[in-house]
Every structure is written in structure tokens, then in C-alpha cells.
Protein backbone atom coordinates (compact mmCIF):
# COMPACT_ATOMS: atom_id res chain seq x y z
CA MET A 1 21.70 -55.74 -43.98
CA THR A 2 23.48 -56.87 -41.10
CA TYR A 3 26.09 -54.56 -39.60
CA THR A 4 29.09 -55.74 -37.28
CA ILE A 5 28.62 -54.64 -34.00
CA TRP A 6 31.94 -54.06 -32.25
CA GLU A 7 31.92 -53.87 -28.53
CA THR A 8 34.59 -52.08 -26.53
CA ARG A 9 34.64 -54.02 -23.03
CA PRO A 10 36.27 -57.33 -24.41
CA LEU A 11 39.18 -54.77 -25.59
CA ALA A 12 39.33 -52.69 -22.38
CA ALA A 13 39.31 -56.01 -20.53
CA ALA A 14 42.21 -57.59 -22.54
CA VAL A 15 44.44 -54.36 -22.47
CA THR A 16 43.77 -53.86 -18.35
CA THR A 17 45.04 -57.37 -18.08
CA GLN A 18 48.14 -57.00 -20.30
CA LEU A 19 48.93 -53.80 -18.68
CA GLU A 20 48.68 -55.57 -15.18
CA THR A 21 51.52 -57.76 -16.42
CA THR A 22 53.83 -54.85 -15.50
CA GLY A 23 53.16 -55.57 -11.79
CA LYS A 24 51.65 -52.09 -11.48
CA THR A 25 47.99 -50.81 -10.70
CA VAL A 26 45.68 -50.22 -13.40
CA GLY A 27 42.68 -47.89 -13.03
CA GLN A 28 39.83 -48.05 -15.58
CA ALA A 29 38.94 -44.63 -16.65
CA ILE A 30 39.60 -43.38 -13.11
CA SER A 31 42.52 -43.31 -10.58
CA PRO A 32 42.98 -46.61 -8.93
CA GLY A 33 43.23 -44.61 -5.53
CA VAL A 34 46.72 -45.85 -4.76
CA ALA A 35 50.11 -44.17 -4.32
CA PRO A 36 51.86 -43.72 -7.63
CA PRO A 37 53.44 -45.43 -9.59
CA TYR A 38 50.16 -46.60 -11.55
CA MET A 39 48.62 -46.37 -15.06
CA VAL A 40 44.87 -45.69 -16.25
CA LEU A 41 43.35 -46.89 -18.86
CA TYR A 42 40.75 -44.75 -20.95
CA PRO A 43 38.92 -46.40 -24.05
CA GLN A 44 38.47 -43.65 -26.88
CA SER A 45 36.03 -43.11 -29.37
CA ASP A 46 36.19 -45.48 -32.62
CA ALA A 47 38.65 -43.70 -34.98
CA GLY A 48 36.92 -45.20 -38.21
CA SER A 49 35.42 -48.00 -39.86
CA GLU A 50 35.59 -49.82 -43.19
CA GLY A 51 33.94 -52.59 -45.10
CA SER A 52 31.42 -53.41 -47.86
CA ILE A 53 28.28 -51.61 -48.63
CA ALA A 54 26.48 -54.58 -47.09
CA ASP A 55 28.76 -54.27 -43.76
CA PRO A 56 30.44 -50.83 -43.41
CA HIS A 57 31.71 -51.57 -40.19
CA GLN A 58 33.45 -54.82 -40.84
CA ILE A 59 36.64 -53.40 -40.05
CA ILE A 60 37.26 -50.72 -37.33
CA THR A 61 39.82 -48.68 -35.70
CA GLN A 62 39.63 -48.79 -32.05
CA THR A 63 41.77 -46.46 -30.00
CA PHE A 64 42.54 -46.23 -26.22
CA GLN A 65 44.73 -43.94 -23.87
CA VAL A 66 47.04 -45.18 -21.13
CA THR A 67 47.98 -42.36 -18.49
CA CYS A 68 51.05 -43.26 -16.56
CA VAL A 69 51.37 -41.49 -13.30
CA GLY A 70 54.38 -41.07 -11.19
CA ASP A 71 55.99 -39.00 -8.22
CA SER A 72 58.52 -37.64 -10.57
CA MET A 73 59.15 -37.04 -14.08
CA GLU A 74 61.51 -39.87 -14.13
CA GLU A 75 58.86 -42.35 -12.48
CA ALA A 76 56.06 -41.18 -15.04
CA GLN A 77 58.32 -41.63 -18.16
CA TRP A 78 59.48 -45.16 -16.64
CA MET A 79 55.92 -46.27 -16.44
CA GLN A 80 55.13 -45.22 -19.74
CA GLU A 81 58.02 -47.25 -21.08
CA GLU A 82 56.70 -50.19 -19.12
CA ALA A 83 53.23 -49.53 -20.79
CA ARG A 84 54.64 -49.31 -24.17
CA GLY A 85 56.69 -52.24 -23.52
CA VAL A 86 53.77 -54.62 -22.94
CA LEU A 87 51.53 -52.89 -25.58
CA ILE A 88 53.23 -52.02 -28.99
CA GLY A 89 53.42 -55.27 -31.44
CA TRP A 90 51.16 -57.30 -28.83
CA ILE A 91 47.92 -58.88 -30.30
CA PRO A 92 44.98 -59.41 -27.93
CA SER A 93 43.16 -62.70 -28.09
CA LEU A 94 40.34 -61.07 -29.64
CA THR A 95 38.79 -62.34 -32.99
CA GLY A 96 40.12 -60.15 -35.63
CA ALA A 97 42.63 -58.18 -33.58
CA THR A 98 45.88 -56.62 -35.23
CA PRO A 99 49.07 -55.81 -33.17
CA VAL A 100 48.47 -52.76 -31.13
CA GLU A 101 50.31 -49.56 -32.49
CA LEU A 102 51.28 -46.51 -30.65
CA ASP A 103 49.08 -43.66 -32.42
CA PHE A 104 50.37 -40.89 -30.27
CA GLY A 105 52.98 -40.31 -27.79
CA SER A 106 52.81 -37.41 -25.25
CA GLY A 107 55.48 -35.79 -23.43
CA THR A 108 55.43 -35.52 -19.51
CA PHE A 109 53.46 -33.19 -17.65
CA ARG A 110 53.17 -31.89 -13.92
CA ASP A 111 49.73 -31.95 -12.51
CA PRO A 112 49.01 -28.49 -11.73
CA ASP A 113 46.81 -29.38 -8.81
CA GLY A 114 49.13 -32.07 -7.22
CA PRO A 115 52.44 -33.43 -7.01
CA VAL A 116 52.53 -36.11 -9.71
CA PHE A 117 53.72 -36.24 -13.24
CA TYR A 118 51.88 -38.02 -15.95
CA THR A 119 52.39 -39.06 -19.71
CA THR A 120 49.20 -39.74 -21.77
CA ASP A 121 49.77 -42.12 -24.84
CA ARG A 122 47.39 -42.94 -27.25
CA TYR A 123 47.28 -46.60 -29.20
CA ARG A 124 45.15 -48.07 -31.92
CA ILE A 125 44.23 -51.51 -33.01
CA PHE A 126 42.30 -52.54 -35.89
CA MET A 127 39.55 -55.39 -35.56
CA SER A 128 38.26 -57.26 -38.41
């Protein structure tokens, strides 16, 4: 039996490049070390798989989170709109990729340890 193995690196690289089209700095699972506004991409666990008995991982749902950080509530929300604008409906140039969907949107929160505000949206994509 041969199972399909899905790597998360190509999707993370593609999403980072797409987010950078907004002209803002993007960190990968860590703050990029610049003053806000900026975004941080967090690859998440696979949300599920489907397929045949011979290859039950033929289709996979991958999820990722984009945290948008700003000096004010409005700035964080503006960054959230920028991220949504370049991600929702975008199809990465990866084999079998479907359009990116918003899986779960968040409100805006103030960081209790600092003077910044942030939003955290989770997105999903199906790969086959």
C-alpha cells in the first residue's frame, strides 16, 4: 500500500509569499521583530483526510492561522482585511490545491502583556 504524504512546507511558503503581496512584513510562527503592523503565519494540524482504502490520505484538509498585529484595534482589523483580501478564494500553485477558505474568524483582542492589538483568523484548503 502506498499512502500520499502531504508536506506542509510548500503551502507555508506559498501562503507567506501571498501575504507579502500586501506589502507588510510576515513572520513564520514568530513575530518578525518589526514594529506593527505585521502578520504571523502559523501552520496548523491537518484537519482531516479522505480517500480510498488503498490511499486514505489522498485528499487532505490543511489549516493555517494568520495573526494580524497592529498598534490599535483599527490597525489590527485593517491588517485582517488585507490578509483576507489576498487569501480568500486564492488558489496556490500547488498540485491539487483548491481555493483558500476562511475556516474561523476572530474578533480583535488587546495583548495583555503589551500595547498591541491582534486578530487570529484560521483558514483551510483542500489538497488532492
